[in-house]
């Protein structure tokens, strides 16, 4: 089975030696995304805006791999501060609607460039 890199135009460039995601067979695995504004390149510091930006960017990666919102099976979330959980979860629930992928949410001591959160997804080709 071949592992194929997924790269999306319009997303912030990867901050290291990795792709936005990979596709292997019918599985799509995204790299972790942090809330960098796609236009300015600056870190987003409002948790609700940051959450929406990251989820939107991850969905673009999933779609570039042939998936859709409803084929997202698992989401891993790393919050810098668990006090942001309620605000994060409001945006997350709105984003997914009735679709409820499995999820892990944990507090991370420090994230790249001081980001408020980092999220990754596992999805399947539609």
PDB file of N, CA and C in Angstrom:
ATOM      1  N   UNK A   1       0.845  -1.162   0.000  1.00  0.00           N
ATOM      2  CA  UNK A   1       0.000   0.000   0.000  1.00  0.00           C
ATOM      3  C   UNK A   1       0.903   1.243   0.000  1.00  0.00           C
ATOM      4  N   UNK A   2       0.542   2.218  -0.787  1.00  0.00           N
ATOM      5  CA  UNK A   2       1.319   3.444  -0.924  1.00  0.00           C
ATOM      6  C   UNK A   2       0.789   4.533   0.001  1.00  0.00           C
ATOM      7  N   UNK A   3       1.716   5.259   0.621  1.00  0.00           N
ATOM      8  CA  UNK A   3       1.352   6.421   1.425  1.00  0.00           C
ATOM      9  C   UNK A   3       1.593   7.649   0.556  1.00  0.00           C
ATOM     10  N   UNK A   4       0.556   8.434   0.391  1.00  0.00           N
ATOM     11  CA  UNK A   4       0.582   9.590  -0.502  1.00  0.00           C
ATOM     12  C   UNK A   4       0.436  10.869   0.326  1.00  0.00           C
ATOM     13  N   UNK A   5       1.326  11.838   0.118  1.00  0.00           N
ATOM     14  CA  UNK A   5       1.267  13.111   0.844  1.00  0.00           C
ATOM     15  C   UNK A   5       0.118  13.960   0.313  1.00  0.00           C
ATOM     16  N   UNK A   6      -0.547  14.657   1.217  1.00  0.00           N
ATOM     17  CA  UNK A   6      -1.613  15.603   0.857  1.00  0.00           C
ATOM     18  C   UNK A   6      -1.094  16.996   1.176  1.00  0.00           C
ATOM     19  N   UNK A   7      -1.144  17.869   0.194  1.00  0.00           N
ATOM     20  CA  UNK A   7      -0.754  19.261   0.402  1.00  0.00           C
ATOM     21  C   UNK A   7      -1.882  20.141  -0.103  1.00  0.00           C
ATOM     22  N   UNK A   8      -2.217  21.158   0.661  1.00  0.00           N
ATOM     23  CA  UNK A   8      -3.335  22.032   0.304  1.00  0.00           C
ATOM     24  C   UNK A   8      -2.844  23.450   0.064  1.00  0.00           C
ATOM     25  N   UNK A   9      -3.286  24.031  -1.025  1.00  0.00           N
ATOM     26  CA  UNK A   9      -2.994  25.439  -1.250  1.00  0.00           C
ATOM     27  C   UNK A   9      -3.898  26.273  -0.351  1.00  0.00           C
ATOM     28  N   UNK A  10      -3.416  27.431   0.043  1.00  0.00           N
ATOM     29  CA  UNK A  10      -4.208  28.323   0.873  1.00  0.00           C
ATOM     30  C   UNK A  10      -4.089  28.065   2.363  1.00  0.00           C
ATOM     31  N   UNK A  11      -3.377  27.011   2.758  1.00  0.00           N
ATOM     32  CA  UNK A  11      -3.149  26.746   4.171  1.00  0.00           C
ATOM     33  C   UNK A  11      -1.748  27.201   4.547  1.00  0.00           C
ATOM     34  N   UNK A  12      -1.527  27.485   5.830  1.00  0.00           N
ATOM     35  CA  UNK A  12      -0.165  27.833   6.244  1.00  0.00           C
ATOM     36  C   UNK A  12       0.792  26.689   5.896  1.00  0.00           C
ATOM     37  N   UNK A  13       2.011  27.038   5.507  1.00  0.00           N
ATOM     38  CA  UNK A  13       3.013  26.013   5.199  1.00  0.00           C
ATOM     39  C   UNK A  13       3.355  25.243   6.460  1.00  0.00           C
ATOM     40  N   UNK A  14       3.711  23.988   6.268  1.00  0.00           N
ATOM     41  CA  UNK A  14       4.134  23.163   7.389  1.00  0.00           C
ATOM     42  C   UNK A  14       5.383  23.774   8.022  1.00  0.00           C
ATOM     43  N   UNK A  15       5.453  23.719   9.356  1.00  0.00           N
ATOM     44  CA  UNK A  15       6.584  24.291  10.084  1.00  0.00           C
ATOM     45  C   UNK A  15       7.701  23.278  10.268  1.00  0.00           C
ATOM     46  N   UNK A  16       7.764  22.285   9.438  1.00  0.00           N
ATOM     47  CA  UNK A  16       8.787  21.251   9.570  1.00  0.00           C
ATOM     48  C   UNK A  16       8.728  20.297   8.402  1.00  0.00           C
ATOM     49  N   UNK A  17       9.359  19.178   8.583  1.00  0.00           N
ATOM     50  CA  UNK A  17       9.462  18.176   7.518  1.00  0.00           C
ATOM     51  C   UNK A  17       8.266  17.231   7.558  1.00  0.00           C
ATOM     52  N   UNK A  18       7.105  17.744   7.219  1.00  0.00           N
ATOM     53  CA  UNK A  18       5.896  16.929   7.174  1.00  0.00           C
ATOM     54  C   UNK A  18       4.913  17.556   6.204  1.00  0.00           C
ATOM     55  N   UNK A  19       3.892  16.808   5.836  1.00  0.00           N
ATOM     56  CA  UNK A  19       2.852  17.290   4.922  1.00  0.00           C
ATOM     57  C   UNK A  19       1.614  17.672   5.728  1.00  0.00           C
ATOM     58  N   UNK A  20       0.661  18.315   5.062  1.00  0.00           N
ATOM     59  CA  UNK A  20      -0.606  18.633   5.721  1.00  0.00           C
ATOM     60  C   UNK A  20      -1.336  17.356   6.134  1.00  0.00           C
ATOM     61  N   UNK A  21      -1.093  16.301   5.394  1.00  0.00           N
ATOM     62  CA  UNK A  21      -1.724  15.028   5.706  1.00  0.00           C
ATOM     63  C   UNK A  21      -1.185  13.938   4.807  1.00  0.00           C
ATOM     64  N   UNK A  22      -1.645  12.724   5.067  1.00  0.00           N
ATOM     65  CA  UNK A  22      -1.289  11.594   4.212  1.00  0.00           C
ATOM     66  C   UNK A  22      -2.539  10.765   3.955  1.00  0.00           C
ATOM     67  N   UNK A  23      -2.481  10.056   2.854  1.00  0.00           N
ATOM     68  CA  UNK A  23      -3.576   9.169   2.472  1.00  0.00           C
ATOM     69  C   UNK A  23      -2.963   7.803   2.222  1.00  0.00           C
ATOM     70  N   UNK A  24      -3.537   6.808   2.844  1.00  0.00           N
ATOM     71  CA  UNK A  24      -3.062   5.434   2.679  1.00  0.00           C
ATOM     72  C   UNK A  24      -4.296   4.563   2.490  1.00  0.00           C
ATOM     73  N   UNK A  25      -4.459   4.035   1.274  1.00  0.00           N
ATOM     74  CA  UNK A  25      -5.680   3.300   0.978  1.00  0.00           C
ATOM     75  C   UNK A  25      -6.864   4.230   1.134  1.00  0.00           C
ATOM     76  N   UNK A  26      -7.827   3.838   1.920  1.00  0.00           N
ATOM     77  CA  UNK A  26      -9.012   4.658   2.139  1.00  0.00           C
ATOM     78  C   UNK A  26      -8.942   5.531   3.388  1.00  0.00           C
ATOM     79  N   UNK A  27      -7.762   5.589   4.016  1.00  0.00           N
ATOM     80  CA  UNK A  27      -7.623   6.358   5.251  1.00  0.00           C
ATOM     81  C   UNK A  27      -6.886   7.671   5.009  1.00  0.00           C
ATOM     82  N   UNK A  28      -7.376   8.744   5.630  1.00  0.00           N
ATOM     83  CA  UNK A  28      -6.767  10.070   5.554  1.00  0.00           C
ATOM     84  C   UNK A  28      -6.343  10.450   6.967  1.00  0.00           C
ATOM     85  N   UNK A  29      -5.054  10.765   7.128  1.00  0.00           N
ATOM     86  CA  UNK A  29      -4.532  11.189   8.427  1.00  0.00           C
ATOM     87  C   UNK A  29      -3.977  12.595   8.270  1.00  0.00           C
ATOM     88  N   UNK A  30      -4.478  13.524   9.059  1.00  0.00           N
ATOM     89  CA  UNK A  30      -3.962  14.885   8.965  1.00  0.00           C
ATOM     90  C   UNK A  30      -2.830  15.078   9.965  1.00  0.00           C
ATOM     91  N   UNK A  31      -1.945  15.988   9.644  1.00  0.00           N
ATOM     92  CA  UNK A  31      -0.969  16.446  10.630  1.00  0.00           C
ATOM     93  C   UNK A  31      -1.686  17.389  11.573  1.00  0.00           C
ATOM     94  N   UNK A  32      -1.107  17.628  12.717  1.00  0.00           N
ATOM     95  CA  UNK A  32      -1.672  18.591  13.646  1.00  0.00           C
ATOM     96  C   UNK A  32      -1.626  19.983  13.042  1.00  0.00           C
ATOM     97  N   UNK A  33      -2.688  20.726  13.242  1.00  0.00           N
ATOM     98  CA  UNK A  33      -2.767  22.106  12.752  1.00  0.00           C
ATOM     99  C   UNK A  33      -2.903  23.031  13.950  1.00  0.00           C
ATOM    100  N   UNK A  34      -2.185  24.154  13.894  1.00  0.00           N
ATOM    101  CA  UNK A  34      -2.309  25.186  14.917  1.00  0.00           C
ATOM    102  C   UNK A  34      -3.005  26.390  14.294  1.00  0.00           C
ATOM    103  N   UNK A  35      -3.526  27.307  15.104  1.00  0.00           N
ATOM    104  CA  UNK A  35      -4.339  28.407  14.574  1.00  0.00           C
ATOM    105  C   UNK A  35      -3.527  29.584  14.018  1.00  0.00           C
ATOM    106  N   UNK A  36      -2.956  29.374  12.858  1.00  0.00           N
ATOM    107  CA  UNK A  36      -2.262  30.442  12.160  1.00  0.00           C
ATOM    108  C   UNK A  36      -3.200  31.021  11.122  1.00  0.00           C
ATOM    109  N   UNK A  37      -3.371  32.329  11.115  1.00  0.00           N
ATOM    110  CA  UNK A  37      -4.226  32.985  10.140  1.00  0.00           C
ATOM    111  C   UNK A  37      -3.684  32.735   8.740  1.00  0.00           C
ATOM    112  N   UNK A  38      -4.524  32.233   7.848  1.00  0.00           N
ATOM    113  CA  UNK A  38      -4.096  31.881   6.487  1.00  0.00           C
ATOM    114  C   UNK A  38      -3.651  33.086   5.669  1.00  0.00           C
ATOM    115  N   UNK A  39      -4.122  34.275   6.001  1.00  0.00           N
ATOM    116  CA  UNK A  39      -3.786  35.477   5.237  1.00  0.00           C
ATOM    117  C   UNK A  39      -2.559  36.183   5.810  1.00  0.00           C
ATOM    118  N   UNK A  40      -2.574  36.429   7.125  1.00  0.00           N
ATOM    119  CA  UNK A  40      -1.492  37.211   7.735  1.00  0.00           C
ATOM    120  C   UNK A  40      -0.332  36.366   8.231  1.00  0.00           C
ATOM    121  N   UNK A  41      -0.565  35.082   8.469  1.00  0.00           N
ATOM    122  CA  UNK A  41       0.468  34.217   9.022  1.00  0.00           C
ATOM    123  C   UNK A  41       0.642  34.379  10.524  1.00  0.00           C
ATOM    124  N   UNK A  42      -0.177  35.216  11.150  1.00  0.00           N
ATOM    125  CA  UNK A  42      -0.069  35.455  12.596  1.00  0.00           C
ATOM    126  C   UNK A  42      -0.899  34.435  13.375  1.00  0.00           C
ATOM    127  N   UNK A  43      -0.467  34.185  14.612  1.00  0.00           N
ATOM    128  CA  UNK A  43      -1.168  33.256  15.490  1.00  0.00           C
ATOM    129  C   UNK A  43      -2.492  33.884  15.947  1.00  0.00           C
ATOM    130  N   UNK A  44      -3.572  33.119  15.885  1.00  0.00           N
ATOM    131  CA  UNK A  44      -4.884  33.568  16.349  1.00  0.00           C
ATOM    132  C   UNK A  44      -4.945  33.313  17.858  1.00  0.00           C
ATOM    133  N   UNK A  45      -5.324  34.331  18.619  1.00  0.00           N
ATOM    134  CA  UNK A  45      -5.268  34.229  20.073  1.00  0.00           C
ATOM    135  C   UNK A  45      -6.639  34.173  20.746  1.00  0.00           C
ATOM    136  N   UNK A  46      -7.724  34.214  19.988  1.00  0.00           N
ATOM    137  CA  UNK A  46      -9.067  34.018  20.528  1.00  0.00           C
ATOM    138  C   UNK A  46      -9.426  32.546  20.349  1.00  0.00           C
ATOM    139  N   UNK A  47      -9.770  31.849  21.435  1.00  0.00           N
ATOM    140  CA  UNK A  47      -9.971  30.393  21.372  1.00  0.00           C
ATOM    141  C   UNK A  47     -11.079  29.992  20.409  1.00  0.00           C
ATOM    142  N   UNK A  48     -12.164  30.737  20.356  1.00  0.00           N
ATOM    143  CA  UNK A  48     -13.250  30.369  19.446  1.00  0.00           C
ATOM    144  C   UNK A  48     -12.827  30.549  17.984  1.00  0.00           C
ATOM    145  N   UNK A  49     -12.214  31.666  17.683  1.00  0.00           N
ATOM    146  CA  UNK A  49     -11.740  31.913  16.320  1.00  0.00           C
ATOM    147  C   UNK A  49     -10.639  30.911  15.959  1.00  0.00           C
ATOM    148  N   UNK A  50      -9.755  30.621  16.910  1.00  0.00           N
ATOM    149  CA  UNK A  50      -8.665  29.672  16.674  1.00  0.00           C
ATOM    150  C   UNK A  50      -9.213  28.276  16.379  1.00  0.00           C
ATOM    151  N   UNK A  51     -10.202  27.862  17.153  1.00  0.00           N
ATOM    152  CA  UNK A  51     -10.804  26.539  16.954  1.00  0.00           C
ATOM    153  C   UNK A  51     -11.429  26.442  15.566  1.00  0.00           C
ATOM    154  N   UNK A  52     -12.196  27.442  15.183  1.00  0.00           N
ATOM    155  CA  UNK A  52     -12.871  27.408  13.879  1.00  0.00           C
ATOM    156  C   UNK A  52     -11.858  27.384  12.736  1.00  0.00           C
ATOM    157  N   UNK A  53     -10.806  28.196  12.840  1.00  0.00           N
ATOM    158  CA  UNK A  53      -9.775  28.243  11.795  1.00  0.00           C
ATOM    159  C   UNK A  53      -9.114  26.881  11.622  1.00  0.00           C
ATOM    160  N   UNK A  54      -8.747  26.263  12.727  1.00  0.00           N
ATOM    161  CA  UNK A  54      -8.079  24.961  12.658  1.00  0.00           C
ATOM    162  C   UNK A  54      -9.018  23.896  12.091  1.00  0.00           C
ATOM    163  N   UNK A  55     -10.253  23.852  12.553  1.00  0.00           N
ATOM    164  CA  UNK A  55     -11.200  22.857  12.035  1.00  0.00           C
ATOM    165  C   UNK A  55     -11.465  23.066  10.540  1.00  0.00           C
ATOM    166  N   UNK A  56     -11.629  24.312  10.119  1.00  0.00           N
ATOM    167  CA  UNK A  56     -11.822  24.602   8.686  1.00  0.00           C
ATOM    168  C   UNK A  56     -10.617  24.136   7.873  1.00  0.00           C
ATOM    169  N   UNK A  57      -9.404  24.411   8.377  1.00  0.00           N
ATOM    170  CA  UNK A  57      -8.196  24.009   7.657  1.00  0.00           C
ATOM    171  C   UNK A  57      -8.068  22.491   7.581  1.00  0.00           C
ATOM    172  N   UNK A  58      -8.385  21.815   8.673  1.00  0.00           N
ATOM    173  CA  UNK A  58      -8.310  20.355   8.664  1.00  0.00           C
ATOM    174  C   UNK A  58      -9.318  19.749   7.698  1.00  0.00           C
ATOM    175  N   UNK A  59     -10.505  20.324   7.626  1.00  0.00           N
ATOM    176  CA  UNK A  59     -11.505  19.817   6.685  1.00  0.00           C
ATOM    177  C   UNK A  59     -11.010  19.977   5.251  1.00  0.00           C
ATOM    178  N   UNK A  60     -10.283  21.042   4.959  1.00  0.00           N
ATOM    179  CA  UNK A  60      -9.705  21.215   3.619  1.00  0.00           C
ATOM    180  C   UNK A  60      -8.731  20.083   3.308  1.00  0.00           C
ATOM    181  N   UNK A  61      -7.944  19.682   4.295  1.00  0.00           N
ATOM    182  CA  UNK A  61      -7.003  18.567   4.094  1.00  0.00           C
ATOM    183  C   UNK A  61      -7.780  17.274   3.861  1.00  0.00           C
ATOM    184  N   UNK A  62      -8.785  17.022   4.689  1.00  0.00           N
ATOM    185  CA  UNK A  62      -9.618  15.822   4.537  1.00  0.00           C
ATOM    186  C   UNK A  62     -10.250  15.800   3.143  1.00  0.00           C
ATOM    187  N   UNK A  63     -10.804  16.922   2.707  1.00  0.00           N
ATOM    188  CA  UNK A  63     -11.436  16.984   1.386  1.00  0.00           C
ATOM    189  C   UNK A  63     -10.415  16.800   0.267  1.00  0.00           C
ATOM    190  N   UNK A  64      -9.211  17.331   0.437  1.00  0.00           N
ATOM    191  CA  UNK A  64      -8.165  17.143  -0.578  1.00  0.00           C
ATOM    192  C   UNK A  64      -7.772  15.669  -0.702  1.00  0.00           C
ATOM    193  N   UNK A  65      -7.964  14.921   0.368  1.00  0.00           N
ATOM    194  CA  UNK A  65      -7.681  13.487   0.348  1.00  0.00           C
ATOM    195  C   UNK A  65      -8.858  12.649  -0.114  1.00  0.00           C
ATOM    196  N   UNK A  66      -9.997  13.284  -0.386  1.00  0.00           N
ATOM    197  CA  UNK A  66     -11.164  12.554  -0.868  1.00  0.00           C
ATOM    198  C   UNK A  66     -12.211  12.281   0.195  1.00  0.00           C
ATOM    199  N   UNK A  67     -12.070  12.874   1.374  1.00  0.00           N
ATOM    200  CA  UNK A  67     -13.040  12.673   2.445  1.00  0.00           C
ATOM    201  C   UNK A  67     -14.026  13.825   2.537  1.00  0.00           C
ATOM    202  N   UNK A  68     -14.897  13.731   3.516  1.00  0.00           N
ATOM    203  CA  UNK A  68     -15.892  14.767   3.803  1.00  0.00           C
ATOM    204  C   UNK A  68     -16.011  14.896   5.320  1.00  0.00           C
ATOM    205  N   UNK A  69     -16.742  15.901   5.742  1.00  0.00           N
ATOM    206  CA  UNK A  69     -16.969  16.102   7.169  1.00  0.00           C
ATOM    207  C   UNK A  69     -17.526  14.842   7.820  1.00  0.00           C
ATOM    208  N   UNK A  70     -18.489  14.200   7.158  1.00  0.00           N
ATOM    209  CA  UNK A  70     -19.135  13.033   7.755  1.00  0.00           C
ATOM    210  C   UNK A  70     -18.301  11.760   7.690  1.00  0.00           C
ATOM    211  N   UNK A  71     -17.093  11.828   7.096  1.00  0.00           N
ATOM    212  CA  UNK A  71     -16.200  10.664   7.101  1.00  0.00           C
ATOM    213  C   UNK A  71     -15.068  10.829   8.109  1.00  0.00           C
ATOM    214  N   UNK A  72     -15.090  11.938   8.866  1.00  0.00           N
ATOM    215  CA  UNK A  72     -14.114  12.125   9.940  1.00  0.00           C
ATOM    216  C   UNK A  72     -14.479  11.147  11.055  1.00  0.00           C
ATOM    217  N   UNK A  73     -13.538  10.273  11.416  1.00  0.00           N
ATOM    218  CA  UNK A  73     -13.815   9.228  12.394  1.00  0.00           C
ATOM    219  C   UNK A  73     -13.226   9.534  13.770  1.00  0.00           C
ATOM    220  N   UNK A  74     -12.129  10.308  13.812  1.00  0.00           N
ATOM    221  CA  UNK A  74     -11.449  10.566  15.088  1.00  0.00           C
ATOM    222  C   UNK A  74     -10.791  11.925  15.036  1.00  0.00           C
ATOM    223  N   UNK A  75     -10.833  12.610  16.160  1.00  0.00           N
ATOM    224  CA  UNK A  75     -10.217  13.930  16.293  1.00  0.00           C
ATOM    225  C   UNK A  75      -9.387  13.931  17.576  1.00  0.00           C
ATOM    226  N   UNK A  76      -8.144  14.369  17.458  1.00  0.00           N
ATOM    227  CA  UNK A  76      -7.271  14.526  18.625  1.00  0.00           C
ATOM    228  C   UNK A  76      -7.075  16.010  18.867  1.00  0.00           C
ATOM    229  N   UNK A  77      -7.337  16.445  20.092  1.00  0.00           N
ATOM    230  CA  UNK A  77      -7.290  17.859  20.445  1.00  0.00           C
ATOM    231  C   UNK A  77      -6.319  18.066  21.603  1.00  0.00           C
ATOM    232  N   UNK A  78      -5.440  19.034  21.453  1.00  0.00           N
ATOM    233  CA  UNK A  78      -4.499  19.414  22.501  1.00  0.00           C
ATOM    234  C   UNK A  78      -4.747  20.878  22.822  1.00  0.00           C
ATOM    235  N   UNK A  79      -5.220  21.135  24.019  1.00  0.00           N
ATOM    236  CA  UNK A  79      -5.477  22.500  24.470  1.00  0.00           C
ATOM    237  C   UNK A  79      -4.342  22.950  25.375  1.00  0.00           C
ATOM    238  N   UNK A  80      -3.891  24.179  25.168  1.00  0.00           N
ATOM    239  CA  UNK A  80      -2.862  24.729  26.043  1.00  0.00           C
ATOM    240  C   UNK A  80      -3.416  24.876  27.462  1.00  0.00           C
ATOM    241  N   UNK A  81      -4.700  25.227  27.560  1.00  0.00           N
ATOM    242  CA  UNK A  81      -5.319  25.473  28.856  1.00  0.00           C
ATOM    243  C   UNK A  81      -6.719  24.855  28.864  1.00  0.00           C
ATOM    244  N   UNK A  82      -6.972  23.949  29.772  1.00  0.00           N
ATOM    245  CA  UNK A  82      -8.287  23.310  29.842  1.00  0.00           C
ATOM    246  C   UNK A  82      -9.397  24.278  30.241  1.00  0.00           C
ATOM    247  N   UNK A  83      -9.045  25.448  30.728  1.00  0.00           N
ATOM    248  CA  UNK A  83     -10.071  26.455  31.013  1.00  0.00           C
ATOM    249  C   UNK A  83     -10.742  26.925  29.724  1.00  0.00           C
ATOM    250  N   UNK A  84     -10.118  26.680  28.569  1.00  0.00           N
ATOM    251  CA  UNK A  84     -10.693  27.029  27.272  1.00  0.00           C
ATOM    252  C   UNK A  84     -11.641  25.958  26.740  1.00  0.00           C
ATOM    253  N   UNK A  85     -11.796  24.848  27.478  1.00  0.00           N
ATOM    254  CA  UNK A  85     -12.568  23.714  26.960  1.00  0.00           C
ATOM    255  C   UNK A  85     -13.996  24.088  26.579  1.00  0.00           C
ATOM    256  N   UNK A  86     -14.703  24.810  27.435  1.00  0.00           N
ATOM    257  CA  UNK A  86     -16.107  25.132  27.158  1.00  0.00           C
ATOM    258  C   UNK A  86     -16.243  25.922  25.859  1.00  0.00           C
ATOM    259  N   UNK A  87     -15.418  26.948  25.681  1.00  0.00           N
ATOM    260  CA  UNK A  87     -15.474  27.762  24.457  1.00  0.00           C
ATOM    261  C   UNK A  87     -15.076  26.939  23.241  1.00  0.00           C
ATOM    262  N   UNK A  88     -14.018  26.142  23.380  1.00  0.00           N
ATOM    263  CA  UNK A  88     -13.597  25.256  22.298  1.00  0.00           C
ATOM    264  C   UNK A  88     -14.738  24.317  21.916  1.00  0.00           C
ATOM    265  N   UNK A  89     -15.354  23.685  22.912  1.00  0.00           N
ATOM    266  CA  UNK A  89     -16.373  22.667  22.660  1.00  0.00           C
ATOM    267  C   UNK A  89     -17.614  23.240  21.990  1.00  0.00           C
ATOM    268  N   UNK A  90     -17.962  24.495  22.289  1.00  0.00           N
ATOM    269  CA  UNK A  90     -19.093  25.144  21.619  1.00  0.00           C
ATOM    270  C   UNK A  90     -18.852  25.237  20.116  1.00  0.00           C
ATOM    271  N   UNK A  91     -17.665  25.682  19.732  1.00  0.00           N
ATOM    272  CA  UNK A  91     -17.329  25.810  18.313  1.00  0.00           C
ATOM    273  C   UNK A  91     -17.248  24.430  17.666  1.00  0.00           C
ATOM    274  N   UNK A  92     -16.631  23.488  18.356  1.00  0.00           N
ATOM    275  CA  UNK A  92     -16.484  22.113  17.860  1.00  0.00           C
ATOM    276  C   UNK A  92     -17.861  21.484  17.597  1.00  0.00           C
ATOM    277  N   UNK A  93     -18.779  21.616  18.561  1.00  0.00           N
ATOM    278  CA  UNK A  93     -20.122  21.043  18.416  1.00  0.00           C
ATOM    279  C   UNK A  93     -20.860  21.672  17.239  1.00  0.00           C
ATOM    280  N   UNK A  94     -20.729  22.973  17.067  1.00  0.00           N
ATOM    281  CA  UNK A  94     -21.355  23.663  15.940  1.00  0.00           C
ATOM    282  C   UNK A  94     -20.757  23.185  14.613  1.00  0.00           C
ATOM    283  N   UNK A  95     -19.450  23.007  14.573  1.00  0.00           N
ATOM    284  CA  UNK A  95     -18.762  22.584  13.357  1.00  0.00           C
ATOM    285  C   UNK A  95     -19.231  21.199  12.896  1.00  0.00           C
ATOM    286  N   UNK A  96     -19.304  20.255  13.814  1.00  0.00           N
ATOM    287  CA  UNK A  96     -19.662  18.881  13.450  1.00  0.00           C
ATOM    288  C   UNK A  96     -21.171  18.637  13.416  1.00  0.00           C
ATOM    289  N   UNK A  97     -21.963  19.460  14.079  1.00  0.00           N
ATOM    290  CA  UNK A  97     -23.406  19.260  14.051  1.00  0.00           C
ATOM    291  C   UNK A  97     -23.792  17.908  14.618  1.00  0.00           C
ATOM    292  N   UNK A  98     -24.585  17.155  13.852  1.00  0.00           N
ATOM    293  CA  UNK A  98     -25.061  15.851  14.327  1.00  0.00           C
ATOM    294  C   UNK A  98     -23.999  14.757  14.212  1.00  0.00           C
ATOM    295  N   UNK A  99     -22.952  15.003  13.438  1.00  0.00           N
ATOM    296  CA  UNK A  99     -21.868  14.025  13.302  1.00  0.00           C
ATOM    297  C   UNK A  99     -21.008  14.066  14.564  1.00  0.00           C
ATOM    298  N   UNK A 100     -20.747  12.932  15.151  1.00  0.00           N
ATOM    299  CA  UNK A 100     -20.000  12.853  16.413  1.00  0.00           C
ATOM    300  C   UNK A 100     -18.817  11.894  16.292  1.00  0.00           C
ATOM    301  N   UNK A 101     -17.691  12.355  15.709  1.00  0.00           N
ATOM    302  CA  UNK A 101     -16.527  11.467  15.635  1.00  0.00           C
ATOM    303  C   UNK A 101     -15.960  11.199  17.031  1.00  0.00           C
ATOM    304  N   UNK A 102     -15.229  10.099  17.173  1.00  0.00           N
ATOM    305  CA  UNK A 102     -14.530   9.832  18.429  1.00  0.00           C
ATOM    306  C   UNK A 102     -13.543  10.981  18.660  1.00  0.00           C
ATOM    307  N   UNK A 103     -13.237  11.248  19.925  1.00  0.00           N
ATOM    308  CA  UNK A 103     -12.362  12.385  20.205  1.00  0.00           C
ATOM    309  C   UNK A 103     -11.541  12.145  21.463  1.00  0.00           C
ATOM    310  N   UNK A 104     -10.324  12.648  21.433  1.00  0.00           N
ATOM    311  CA  UNK A 104      -9.476  12.740  22.614  1.00  0.00           C
ATOM    312  C   UNK A 104      -9.172  14.212  22.805  1.00  0.00           C
ATOM    313  N   UNK A 105      -9.346  14.712  24.019  1.00  0.00           N
ATOM    314  CA  UNK A 105      -8.987  16.093  24.338  1.00  0.00           C
ATOM    315  C   UNK A 105      -8.097  16.061  25.565  1.00  0.00           C
ATOM    316  N   UNK A 106      -6.925  16.672  25.445  1.00  0.00           N
ATOM    317  CA  UNK A 106      -6.033  16.718  26.595  1.00  0.00           C
ATOM    318  C   UNK A 106      -5.331  18.064  26.657  1.00  0.00           C
ATOM    319  N   UNK A 107      -4.844  18.374  27.846  1.00  0.00           N
ATOM    320  CA  UNK A 107      -4.102  19.613  28.033  1.00  0.00           C
ATOM    321  C   UNK A 107      -2.647  19.364  27.676  1.00  0.00           C
ATOM    322  N   UNK A 108      -2.099  20.286  26.897  1.00  0.00           N
ATOM    323  CA  UNK A 108      -0.690  20.222  26.525  1.00  0.00           C
ATOM    324  C   UNK A 108       0.021  21.373  27.223  1.00  0.00           C
ATOM    325  N   UNK A 109       1.144  21.107  27.823  1.00  0.00           N
ATOM    326  CA  UNK A 109       1.859  22.138  28.565  1.00  0.00           C
ATOM    327  C   UNK A 109       2.251  23.332  27.723  1.00  0.00           C
ATOM    328  N   UNK A 110       2.747  23.097  26.546  1.00  0.00           N
ATOM    329  CA  UNK A 110       3.136  24.180  25.653  1.00  0.00           C
ATOM    330  C   UNK A 110       3.033  23.652  24.228  1.00  0.00           C
ATOM    331  N   UNK A 111       2.572  24.499  23.338  1.00  0.00           N
ATOM    332  CA  UNK A 111       2.422  24.121  21.942  1.00  0.00           C
ATOM    333  C   UNK A 111       3.289  25.024  21.078  1.00  0.00           C
ATOM    334  N   UNK A 112       3.563  24.603  19.867  1.00  0.00           N
ATOM    335  CA  UNK A 112       4.425  25.341  18.953  1.00  0.00           C
ATOM    336  C   UNK A 112       3.979  26.793  18.844  1.00  0.00           C
ATOM    337  N   UNK A 113       4.916  27.697  18.914  1.00  0.00           N
ATOM    338  CA  UNK A 113       4.702  29.138  18.792  1.00  0.00           C
ATOM    339  C   UNK A 113       3.671  29.687  19.768  1.00  0.00           C
ATOM    340  N   UNK A 114       3.458  28.988  20.894  1.00  0.00           N
ATOM    341  CA  UNK A 114       2.517  29.465  21.898  1.00  0.00           C
ATOM    342  C   UNK A 114       1.060  29.304  21.511  1.00  0.00           C
ATOM    343  N   UNK A 115       0.771  28.436  20.552  1.00  0.00           N
ATOM    344  CA  UNK A 115      -0.602  28.227  20.080  1.00  0.00           C
ATOM    345  C   UNK A 115      -1.522  27.817  21.226  1.00  0.00           C
ATOM    346  N   UNK A 116      -2.795  28.214  21.118  1.00  0.00           N
ATOM    347  CA  UNK A 116      -3.799  27.863  22.121  1.00  0.00           C
ATOM    348  C   UNK A 116      -4.243  26.408  22.004  1.00  0.00           C
ATOM    349  N   UNK A 117      -4.150  25.851  20.790  1.00  0.00           N
ATOM    350  CA  UNK A 117      -4.563  24.477  20.576  1.00  0.00           C
ATOM    351  C   UNK A 117      -3.903  23.910  19.321  1.00  0.00           C
ATOM    352  N   UNK A 118      -3.918  22.600  19.247  1.00  0.00           N
ATOM    353  CA  UNK A 118      -3.500  21.874  18.050  1.00  0.00           C
ATOM    354  C   UNK A 118      -4.487  20.719  17.899  1.00  0.00           C
ATOM    355  N   UNK A 119      -4.908  20.502  16.654  1.00  0.00           N
ATOM    356  CA  UNK A 119      -5.905  19.463  16.384  1.00  0.00           C
ATOM    357  C   UNK A 119      -5.453  18.652  15.170  1.00  0.00           C
ATOM    358  N   UNK A 120      -5.729  17.354  15.203  1.00  0.00           N
ATOM    359  CA  UNK A 120      -5.525  16.492  14.034  1.00  0.00           C
ATOM    360  C   UNK A 120      -6.754  15.607  13.856  1.00  0.00           C
ATOM    361  N   UNK A 121      -6.894  15.041  12.662  1.00  0.00           N
ATOM    362  CA  UNK A 121      -8.060  14.204  12.357  1.00  0.00           C
ATOM    363  C   UNK A 121      -7.660  12.934  11.629  1.00  0.00           C
ATOM    364  N   UNK A 122      -8.489  11.921  11.781  1.00  0.00           N
ATOM    365  CA  UNK A 122      -8.447  10.731  10.955  1.00  0.00           C
ATOM    366  C   UNK A 122      -9.800  10.630  10.267  1.00  0.00           C
ATOM    367  N   UNK A 123      -9.761  10.467   8.956  1.00  0.00           N
ATOM    368  CA  UNK A 123     -10.995  10.377   8.172  1.00  0.00           C
ATOM    369  C   UNK A 123     -10.842   9.284   7.131  1.00  0.00           C
ATOM    370  N   UNK A 124     -11.908   9.038   6.415  1.00  0.00           N
ATOM    371  CA  UNK A 124     -11.897   8.020   5.371  1.00  0.00           C
ATOM    372  C   UNK A 124     -12.369   8.622   4.062  1.00  0.00           C
ATOM    373  N   UNK A 125     -11.895   8.052   2.971  1.00  0.00           N
ATOM    374  CA  UNK A 125     -12.304   8.498   1.646  1.00  0.00           C
ATOM    375  C   UNK A 125     -13.793   8.227   1.510  1.00  0.00           C
ATOM    376  N   UNK A 126     -14.486   9.199   0.956  1.00  0.00           N
ATOM    377  CA  UNK A 126     -15.943   9.105   0.817  1.00  0.00           C
ATOM    378  C   UNK A 126     -16.338   8.117  -0.264  1.00  0.00           C
TER     379      UNK A 126
END
